[in-house]
Protein backbone atom coordinates (compact mmCIF):
# COMPACT_ATOMS: atom_id res chain seq x y z
CA UNK A 1 -49.84 -0.96 -23.70
CA UNK A 2 -49.62 -0.74 -19.87
CA UNK A 3 -47.61 -4.05 -19.83
CA UNK A 4 -45.25 -2.61 -22.36
CA UNK A 5 -44.68 0.41 -20.29
CA UNK A 6 -44.13 -1.62 -17.14
CA UNK A 7 -41.62 -3.80 -19.01
CA UNK A 8 -39.57 -0.92 -20.23
CA UNK A 9 -39.77 0.80 -16.82
CA UNK A 10 -38.39 -2.37 -15.22
CA UNK A 11 -35.55 -2.38 -17.72
CA UNK A 12 -34.58 1.17 -17.10
CA UNK A 13 -34.74 0.97 -13.35
CA UNK A 14 -32.84 -2.35 -13.42
CA UNK A 15 -30.03 -0.79 -15.44
CA UNK A 16 -29.89 2.16 -13.08
CA UNK A 17 -29.77 -0.17 -10.04
CA UNK A 18 -26.73 -1.92 -11.51
CA UNK A 19 -25.15 1.43 -12.40
CA UNK A 20 -25.64 2.61 -8.76
CA UNK A 21 -24.40 -0.77 -7.34
CA UNK A 22 -21.36 -0.66 -9.45
CA UNK A 23 -20.56 2.95 -8.26
CA UNK A 24 -21.18 2.09 -4.62
CA UNK A 25 -18.96 -0.87 -4.83
CA UNK A 26 -15.99 1.01 -6.25
CA UNK A 27 -16.42 4.50 -4.74
CA UNK A 28 -13.72 3.83 -2.08
CA UNK A 29 -10.90 4.48 -4.51
CA UNK A 30 -8.81 6.65 -4.79
CA UNK A 31 -9.53 8.72 -1.70
CA UNK A 32 -10.26 6.00 0.88
CA UNK A 33 -6.74 4.44 1.17
CA UNK A 34 -4.98 7.73 2.06
CA UNK A 35 -7.94 8.62 4.50
CA UNK A 36 -7.78 5.30 6.11
CA UNK A 37 -3.96 5.49 6.43
CA UNK A 38 -4.35 8.81 8.18
CA UNK A 39 -6.27 6.97 10.81
CA UNK A 40 -3.61 4.30 11.33
CA UNK A 41 -5.02 1.52 9.18
CA UNK A 42 -2.46 -0.77 7.46
CA UNK A 43 -2.68 -1.75 3.77
CA UNK A 44 -4.03 -5.21 4.73
CA UNK A 45 -6.87 -3.57 6.84
CA UNK A 46 -7.72 -1.27 4.06
CA UNK A 47 -7.85 -4.25 1.61
CA UNK A 48 -10.00 -6.13 4.04
CA UNK A 49 -12.57 -3.15 4.23
CA UNK A 50 -12.72 -3.04 0.56
CA UNK A 51 -13.08 -6.92 0.21
CA UNK A 52 -15.54 -7.73 2.97
CA UNK A 53 -18.54 -6.78 1.02
CA UNK A 54 -17.66 -9.35 -1.71
CA UNK A 55 -16.84 -12.03 0.94
CA UNK A 56 -20.50 -11.63 2.16
CA UNK A 57 -21.76 -11.45 -1.41
CA UNK A 58 -20.18 -14.80 -2.34
CA UNK A 59 -21.60 -16.56 0.76
CA UNK A 60 -25.02 -15.07 0.11
CA UNK A 61 -24.99 -16.12 -3.60
CA UNK A 62 -24.48 -19.80 -2.77
CA UNK A 63 -27.13 -19.68 -0.07
CA UNK A 64 -29.64 -18.00 -2.36
CA UNK A 65 -28.93 -20.48 -5.25
CA UNK A 66 -30.37 -23.23 -2.97
CA UNK A 67 -33.37 -21.29 -1.55
CA UNK A 68 -34.47 -18.71 -4.12
CA UNK A 69 -37.57 -19.27 -6.37
CA UNK A 70 -39.01 -16.84 -8.89
CA UNK A 71 -41.68 -15.78 -6.48
CA UNK A 72 -39.03 -14.34 -4.21
CA UNK A 73 -37.38 -12.15 -6.89
CA UNK A 74 -39.42 -9.07 -6.39
CA UNK A 75 -39.04 -9.00 -2.58
CA UNK A 76 -35.29 -9.82 -2.89
CA UNK A 77 -34.75 -6.96 -5.38
CA UNK A 78 -36.47 -4.34 -3.24
CA UNK A 79 -34.75 -5.50 -0.07
CA UNK A 80 -31.32 -5.74 -1.63
CA UNK A 81 -31.67 -2.25 -3.23
CA UNK A 82 -32.61 -0.59 0.08
CA UNK A 83 -29.95 -2.47 2.08
CA UNK A 84 -27.25 -1.49 -0.36
CA UNK A 85 -28.28 2.14 -0.54
CA UNK A 86 -28.73 2.57 3.25
CA UNK A 87 -25.36 0.93 4.08
CA UNK A 88 -23.73 3.44 1.76
CA UNK A 89 -25.24 6.35 3.48
CA UNK A 90 -24.19 5.02 6.85
CA UNK A 91 -20.77 4.39 5.73
CA UNK A 92 -20.48 8.17 5.08
CA UNK A 93 -21.39 8.79 8.83
CA UNK A 94 -18.42 6.64 9.70
CA UNK A 95 -16.12 9.48 8.60
CA UNK A 96 -16.98 11.23 11.93
CA UNK A 97 -15.17 8.55 13.87
CA UNK A 98 -11.61 9.62 14.82
CA UNK A 99 -10.39 6.32 16.52
CA UNK A 100 -8.86 4.07 13.88
CA UNK A 101 -9.93 0.75 15.48
CA UNK A 102 -13.54 1.84 15.89
CA UNK A 103 -13.46 3.17 12.28
CA UNK A 104 -12.20 -0.15 11.07
CA UNK A 105 -14.77 -2.27 12.85
CA UNK A 106 -17.63 0.01 11.76
CA UNK A 107 -16.43 -0.12 8.15
CA UNK A 108 -16.27 -3.91 8.16
CA UNK A 109 -19.92 -4.29 9.49
CA UNK A 110 -21.35 -1.74 7.29
CA UNK A 111 -19.65 -3.18 4.16
CA UNK A 112 -20.85 -6.62 5.10
CA UNK A 113 -24.48 -5.39 5.06
CA UNK A 114 -23.77 -3.71 1.73
CA UNK A 115 -22.52 -7.05 0.35
CA UNK A 116 -25.67 -8.80 1.50
CA UNK A 117 -27.78 -6.24 -0.14
CA UNK A 118 -25.79 -6.50 -3.48
CA UNK A 119 -26.23 -10.36 -3.41
CA UNK A 120 -29.93 -10.06 -3.24
CA UNK A 121 -29.85 -7.54 -6.19
CA UNK A 122 -27.74 -9.78 -8.33
CA UNK A 123 -29.79 -12.88 -7.56
CA UNK A 124 -33.11 -11.21 -8.60
CA UNK A 125 -32.69 -8.24 -11.06
CA UNK A 126 -31.58 -10.15 -14.18
CA UNK A 127 -34.25 -12.83 -13.95
CA UNK A 128 -36.94 -10.23 -13.48
CA UNK A 129 -35.78 -8.03 -16.35
CA UNK A 130 -35.20 -10.88 -18.80
CA UNK A 131 -38.71 -12.21 -18.15
CA UNK A 132 -39.98 -8.80 -19.40
CA UNK A 133 -38.15 -9.32 -22.78
CA UNK A 134 -37.93 -13.10 -23.27
CA UNK A 135 -37.00 -12.81 -26.93
CA UNK A 136 -34.24 -10.18 -26.25
CA UNK A 137 -32.79 -11.54 -23.10
CA UNK A 138 -29.30 -11.54 -24.55
CA UNK A 139 -29.12 -7.89 -25.54
CA UNK A 140 -30.89 -6.92 -22.20
CA UNK A 141 -28.36 -8.87 -20.21
CA UNK A 142 -25.46 -7.36 -22.06
CA UNK A 143 -26.87 -3.88 -21.39
CA UNK A 144 -27.08 -4.64 -17.75
CA UNK A 145 -23.55 -5.98 -17.65
CA UNK A 146 -22.27 -2.91 -19.48
CA UNK A 147 -23.86 -0.50 -17.06
CA UNK A 148 -22.61 -2.52 -14.11
CA UNK A 149 -19.12 -2.20 -15.40
CA UNK A 150 -19.66 1.48 -16.21
CA UNK A 151 -20.70 2.13 -12.65
CA UNK A 152 -17.63 0.32 -11.29
CA UNK A 153 -15.46 2.52 -13.64
CA UNK A 154 -17.21 5.80 -12.75
CA UNK A 155 -17.25 5.11 -9.02
CA UNK A 156 -13.54 5.98 -8.24
CA UNK A 157 -13.84 9.15 -10.33
CA UNK A 158 -17.14 10.22 -8.76
CA UNK A 159 -15.85 9.37 -5.27
CA UNK A 160 -12.73 11.41 -5.76
CA UNK A 161 -14.55 14.46 -7.20
CA UNK A 162 -17.12 14.39 -4.38
CA UNK A 163 -14.44 13.86 -1.79
CA UNK A 164 -12.52 16.93 -3.07
CA UNK A 165 -15.68 19.04 -3.06
CA UNK A 166 -17.36 17.87 0.32
CA UNK A 167 -15.06 15.74 2.31
CA UNK A 168 -15.36 12.06 3.27
CA UNK A 169 -19.20 12.16 3.71
CA UNK A 170 -20.04 13.55 0.20
CA UNK A 171 -19.28 10.52 -2.03
CA UNK A 172 -21.41 8.14 0.08
CA UNK A 173 -24.31 10.55 0.56
CA UNK A 174 -24.43 11.14 -3.17
CA UNK A 175 -24.34 7.57 -4.48
CA UNK A 176 -26.34 6.14 -1.58
CA UNK A 177 -29.12 8.66 -2.02
CA UNK A 178 -29.29 7.96 -5.87
CA UNK A 179 -29.73 4.18 -5.12
CA UNK A 180 -32.41 4.82 -2.61
CA UNK A 181 -34.35 6.90 -5.10
CA UNK A 182 -34.15 4.23 -7.77
CA UNK A 183 -35.07 1.52 -5.14
CA UNK A 184 -38.25 3.51 -4.16
CA UNK A 185 -39.29 3.74 -7.81
CA UNK A 186 -38.54 0.06 -8.26
CA UNK A 187 -40.66 -0.81 -5.17
CA UNK A 188 -43.63 1.07 -6.64
CA UNK A 189 -43.17 -0.80 -9.85
CA UNK A 190 -42.88 -4.28 -8.27
CA UNK A 191 -46.23 -3.70 -6.59
CA UNK A 192 -47.79 -3.60 -10.08
CA UNK A 193 -46.18 -6.88 -11.20
CA UNK A 194 -47.09 -10.48 -10.28
CA UNK A 195 -44.47 -13.01 -9.28
CA UNK A 196 -43.92 -16.27 -11.19
CA UNK A 197 -42.94 -19.53 -9.48
CA UNK A 198 -41.72 -22.87 -10.86
CA UNK A 199 -40.87 -25.00 -7.80
CA UNK A 200 -40.81 -28.24 -9.83
CA UNK A 201 -37.60 -27.02 -11.64
CA UNK A 202 -35.82 -26.04 -8.48
CA UNK A 203 -33.90 -29.30 -7.94
CA UNK A 204 -33.13 -29.64 -11.60
CA UNK A 205 -31.77 -26.09 -11.77
CA UNK A 206 -29.37 -26.65 -8.80
CA UNK A 207 -28.03 -29.76 -10.35
CA UNK A 208 -27.53 -28.20 -13.76
CA UNK A 209 -25.70 -25.30 -12.08
CA UNK A 210 -23.22 -27.53 -10.31
CA UNK A 211 -22.50 -29.38 -13.52
CA UNK A 212 -21.92 -26.07 -15.33
CA UNK A 213 -19.41 -24.57 -12.91
CA UNK A 214 -17.38 -27.74 -12.71
CA UNK A 215 -17.15 -28.00 -16.52
CA UNK A 216 -13.44 -28.02 -17.50
CA UNK A 217 -13.81 -25.31 -20.21
CA UNK A 218 -15.82 -23.07 -17.92
CA UNK A 219 -13.08 -23.40 -15.17
CA UNK A 220 -10.27 -22.41 -17.54
CA UNK A 221 -12.20 -19.40 -18.94
CA UNK A 222 -13.19 -18.45 -15.38
CA UNK A 223 -9.58 -18.36 -14.30
CA UNK A 224 -8.72 -15.72 -16.90
CA UNK A 225 -11.99 -13.82 -16.08
CA UNK A 226 -11.15 -13.97 -12.44
CA UNK A 227 -7.80 -12.34 -13.07
CA UNK A 228 -9.45 -9.49 -14.94
CA UNK A 229 -12.11 -9.15 -12.24
CA UNK A 230 -9.31 -8.75 -9.69
CA UNK A 231 -8.01 -5.68 -11.55
CA UNK A 232 -10.58 -3.11 -10.14
CA UNK A 233 -9.87 -4.26 -6.55
CA UNK A 234 -6.20 -4.09 -7.01
CA UNK A 235 -6.53 -0.71 -8.62
CA UNK A 236 -8.74 0.76 -5.80
CA UNK A 237 -6.27 -0.25 -3.13
CA UNK A 238 -2.78 0.15 -4.81
CA UNK A 239 -2.94 2.50 -7.64
CA UNK A 240 -3.81 5.81 -5.81
CA UNK A 241 -0.84 5.24 -3.39
CA UNK A 242 1.38 4.39 -6.32
CA UNK A 243 0.53 7.47 -8.23
CA UNK A 244 1.03 9.72 -5.23
CA UNK A 245 4.07 8.08 -3.48
CA UNK A 246 6.13 6.71 -6.57
CA UNK A 247 5.06 8.89 -9.44
CA UNK A 248 4.80 12.05 -7.35
CA UNK A 249 1.43 13.18 -8.63
CA UNK A 250 -1.05 15.15 -6.50
CA UNK A 251 -4.41 13.93 -5.23
CA UNK A 252 -6.17 15.96 -7.96
CA UNK A 253 -4.05 14.45 -10.68
CA UNK A 254 -4.81 10.93 -9.34
CA UNK A 255 -8.50 11.75 -9.41
CA UNK A 256 -8.23 12.85 -13.04
CA UNK A 257 -6.30 9.64 -13.88
CA UNK A 258 -9.19 7.52 -12.46
CA UNK A 259 -11.66 9.74 -14.34
CA UNK A 260 -9.72 9.28 -17.56
CA UNK A 261 -9.79 5.48 -17.19
CA UNK A 262 -13.58 5.72 -16.47
CA UNK A 263 -14.11 7.79 -19.60
CA UNK A 264 -12.07 5.37 -21.68
CA UNK A 265 -14.35 2.56 -20.48
CA UNK A 266 -17.40 4.62 -21.30
CA UNK A 267 -16.17 5.05 -24.84
CA UNK A 268 -14.84 1.48 -25.49
CA UNK A 269 -17.62 -0.50 -23.81
CA UNK A 270 -20.34 0.16 -26.57
CA UNK A 271 -17.77 -0.57 -29.25
CA UNK A 272 -17.12 -3.96 -27.74
CA UNK A 273 -20.76 -4.48 -27.31
CA UNK A 274 -21.17 -3.91 -31.07
CA UNK A 275 -18.32 -6.35 -31.84
CA UNK A 276 -19.84 -9.07 -29.58
CA UNK A 277 -23.25 -8.58 -31.30
CA UNK A 278 -21.48 -9.12 -34.63
CA UNK A 279 -20.18 -12.45 -33.41
CA UNK A 280 -16.62 -11.63 -32.40
CA UNK A 281 -16.98 -12.55 -28.61
CA UNK A 282 -13.93 -14.96 -28.78
CA UNK A 283 -11.63 -12.23 -30.06
CA UNK A 284 -12.95 -9.66 -27.66
CA UNK A 285 -12.46 -11.96 -24.74
CA UNK A 286 -8.91 -12.76 -25.73
CA UNK A 287 -8.07 -9.05 -26.20
CA UNK A 288 -9.44 -8.43 -22.80
CA UNK A 289 -7.50 -10.97 -20.82
CA UNK A 290 -4.29 -11.04 -22.78
CA UNK A 291 -4.09 -7.26 -23.19
CA UNK A 292 -4.89 -6.71 -19.52
CA UNK A 293 -2.24 -9.04 -18.34
CA UNK A 294 0.32 -7.36 -20.56
CA UNK A 295 -0.55 -3.87 -19.21
CA UNK A 296 -0.03 -5.00 -15.59
CA UNK A 297 3.33 -6.46 -16.60
CA UNK A 298 4.34 -3.23 -18.30
CA UNK A 299 3.22 -1.22 -15.29
CA UNK A 300 5.39 -3.42 -12.91
CA UNK A 301 8.36 -3.39 -15.21
CA UNK A 302 8.57 0.50 -15.23
CA UNK A 303 10.45 0.56 -11.95
CA UNK A 304 13.23 -1.69 -13.38
CA UNK A 305 13.73 0.15 -16.60
CA UNK A 306 15.70 3.44 -16.31
CA UNK A 307 13.59 6.49 -17.17
CA UNK A 308 10.32 4.50 -17.45
CA UNK A 309 8.93 5.35 -14.04
CA UNK A 310 7.16 8.47 -15.10
CA UNK A 311 3.48 9.46 -15.23
CA UNK A 312 3.33 10.39 -18.87
CA UNK A 313 4.75 6.95 -19.93
CA UNK A 314 2.36 4.93 -17.83
CA UNK A 315 -0.82 6.89 -18.37
CA UNK A 316 -1.34 5.38 -21.84
CA UNK A 317 -0.85 1.90 -20.21
CA UNK A 318 -3.60 2.60 -17.67
CA UNK A 319 -5.94 3.75 -20.45
CA UNK A 320 -5.26 0.68 -22.54
CA UNK A 321 -5.97 -1.51 -19.43
CA UNK A 322 -9.34 0.33 -19.13
CA UNK A 323 -10.03 -0.57 -22.71
CA UNK A 324 -9.19 -4.26 -22.04
CA UNK A 325 -11.52 -4.24 -19.00
CA UNK A 326 -14.40 -2.91 -21.00
CA UNK A 327 -14.20 -5.95 -23.41
CA UNK A 328 -14.68 -8.59 -20.73
CA UNK A 329 -18.38 -8.55 -19.60
CA UNK A 330 -20.33 -8.99 -22.86
CA UNK A 331 -17.80 -11.43 -24.37
CA UNK A 332 -17.56 -13.87 -21.39
CA UNK A 333 -21.22 -13.69 -20.73
CA UNK A 334 -22.13 -14.95 -24.31
CA UNK A 335 -19.30 -17.53 -24.35
CA UNK A 336 -20.39 -19.05 -20.98
CA UNK A 337 -24.12 -18.96 -22.05
CA UNK A 338 -23.31 -20.93 -25.21
CA UNK A 339 -21.27 -23.40 -23.28
CA UNK A 340 -24.14 -23.86 -20.84
CA UNK A 341 -26.66 -24.28 -23.74
CA UNK A 342 -24.42 -26.86 -25.46
CA UNK A 343 -23.94 -28.75 -22.31
CA UNK A 344 -27.53 -29.63 -21.77
CA UNK A 345 -29.27 -26.54 -20.48
CA UNK A 346 -31.45 -25.78 -23.53
CA UNK A 347 -33.58 -23.30 -21.79
CA UNK A 348 -31.94 -19.93 -22.40
CA UNK A 349 -33.51 -18.41 -19.31
CA UNK A 350 -31.89 -21.15 -17.12
CA UNK A 351 -28.68 -20.71 -18.91
CA UNK A 352 -28.60 -16.93 -18.35
CA UNK A 353 -29.58 -17.32 -14.68
CA UNK A 354 -26.64 -19.80 -14.21
CA UNK A 355 -24.20 -17.61 -16.06
CA UNK A 356 -25.30 -14.45 -14.08
CA UNK A 357 -24.78 -16.28 -10.83
CA UNK A 358 -21.41 -17.63 -11.64
CA UNK A 359 -20.30 -14.26 -13.20
CA UNK A 360 -21.09 -12.34 -10.11
CA UNK A 361 -19.43 -14.88 -7.95
CA UNK A 362 -16.27 -14.49 -10.07
CA UNK A 363 -16.60 -10.80 -9.95
CA UNK A 364 -16.78 -10.83 -6.12
CA UNK A 365 -13.90 -13.36 -5.84
CA UNK A 366 -11.78 -11.19 -8.15
CA UNK A 367 -12.33 -8.07 -6.21
CA UNK A 368 -11.41 -9.79 -2.96
CA UNK A 369 -8.18 -11.22 -4.49
CA UNK A 370 -7.40 -7.92 -6.02
CA UNK A 371 -8.00 -5.75 -3.03
CA UNK A 372 -7.10 -7.99 -0.13
CA UNK A 373 -4.46 -10.33 -1.61
CA UNK A 374 -3.11 -8.24 -4.43
CA UNK A 375 -3.46 -4.63 -3.34
CA UNK A 376 -3.09 -5.52 0.36
CA UNK A 377 -0.89 -8.38 1.35
CA UNK A 378 1.01 -8.76 -1.91
CA UNK A 379 1.88 -5.05 -2.19
CA UNK A 380 2.76 -4.80 1.52
CA UNK A 381 5.20 -7.75 1.26
CA UNK A 382 6.77 -7.22 -2.23
CA UNK A 383 6.11 -3.70 -3.15
CA UNK A 384 3.92 -2.38 -5.96
CA UNK A 385 6.17 -3.11 -8.97
CA UNK A 386 6.97 -6.76 -7.93
CA UNK A 387 3.37 -7.39 -7.09
CA UNK A 388 2.35 -6.23 -10.65
CA UNK A 389 4.84 -8.55 -12.24
CA UNK A 390 3.65 -11.58 -10.20
CA UNK A 391 0.02 -10.78 -10.74
CA UNK A 392 0.48 -10.10 -14.50
CA UNK A 393 2.59 -13.16 -15.10
CA UNK A 394 -0.11 -15.38 -13.49
CA UNK A 395 -2.82 -13.64 -15.34
CA UNK A 396 -1.02 -14.07 -18.64
CA UNK A 397 -0.76 -17.85 -18.12
CA UNK A 398 -4.55 -18.06 -17.52
CA UNK A 399 -5.27 -15.84 -20.58
CA UNK A 400 -3.21 -17.93 -22.89
CA UNK A 401 -4.77 -21.10 -21.56
CA UNK A 402 -8.21 -19.62 -22.14
CA UNK A 403 -7.14 -18.80 -25.68
CA UNK A 404 -6.41 -22.52 -26.25
CA UNK A 405 -9.82 -23.45 -25.02
CA UNK A 406 -11.63 -20.89 -27.20
CA UNK A 407 -9.74 -22.25 -30.26
CA UNK A 408 -10.72 -25.83 -29.45
CA UNK A 409 -14.33 -24.88 -28.97
CA UNK A 410 -14.60 -22.78 -32.07
CA UNK A 411 -15.32 -19.39 -30.47
CA UNK A 412 -12.90 -17.62 -32.88
CA UNK A 413 -15.69 -18.29 -35.46
CA UNK A 414 -18.61 -15.89 -35.27
CA UNK A 415 -20.72 -16.70 -32.33
CA UNK A 416 -24.05 -15.13 -31.58
CA UNK A 417 -26.89 -15.21 -28.91
CA UNK A 418 -29.29 -17.99 -29.81
CA UNK A 419 -32.17 -15.56 -30.74
CA UNK A 420 -29.84 -13.46 -32.88
CA UNK A 421 -27.69 -15.84 -34.82
CA UNK A 422 -28.27 -16.01 -38.64
CA UNK A 423 -27.21 -19.68 -38.62
CA UNK A 424 -25.82 -22.27 -36.24
CA UNK A 425 -22.28 -21.57 -35.26
CA UNK A 426 -19.50 -24.20 -34.84
CA UNK A 427 -19.05 -23.43 -31.05
CA UNK A 428 -19.49 -26.49 -28.91
CA UNK A 429 -18.63 -27.54 -25.49
């Protein structure tokens, strides 16, 4: 009985950690760009502040993939949770700095520490939670992914509301404190658990991971996923300025818009989770990447079509884009897991660890590209509308290429997690 209680407590706290981490990573939009501009920061510098945590996250992920063992998971989880929460709290204190250069340097350093903490969390949380439910690892992983995306969608809305109520400090004090509370509870829980270790499989796991990420089908599917993962970063840097400067809406309306997108995600994500569980992961993935690309193209085209550059016309496009974004996580995770299994990694735990590591790398790379290259450099050089058209066109090419791969591999047939499938599917690598 006690073991069952500990397992469920681990799942609940793990889900809450991912919810907090997703919110902390996305809290900066939509209030941060205008605040940073008031201190003299350029769009490129704003994009760099948003992206630096993901840069550190990527570097740490590759380092951890070579060094981490199961016996390290509990310590990494606790350390990562506290590092991430504390850095968010300290970032709120940075609002007291009035010099733009000092503010920029402080922001970079604090966000770098936050990225390191997030990498520790990503490398350890899913392996720990899935070991608690070895026969339901697929649904557990999908739940974690859903709450991570939910946090990323709610972050901009919560940040905007708290900024309106309490100024620059309030969003970071709120989300940082929440994560520290969960981290404290998780620390107490980890003391009750014993670590597992399997050093004999360490070299084999590294080799399998390298083979997995260089698989041609994985690379094509990852390119479309990368384009979708870039959307939150692009949105956090560019959308609030577009809404206020070109559509003429107020800060409050911009905040409501981000909240509406978050609410749309909350409603749509469980529905797509149900569809993925029913074996429709291929169709959900295609809807996500193709639909998202089309929404970005429509947004960029509004400036060139007379009478289309209006808030009431573009709001439905923003909401549809949120629906498409909600379909990505569960669908691509299952697709990549089946490819990993059919490529030689017959151990589902190993497959999920590889897919988790690769997915979070894609997520971090996408947010860097979206915030620094898309929302920063590209918008600064081409303007918002032209940047959307360029980004959306490249995204659409990747999305259509991934559809061809899914058709070739049979993922438009019903495909299930290994422990859930009623019969063997036709999907193959």
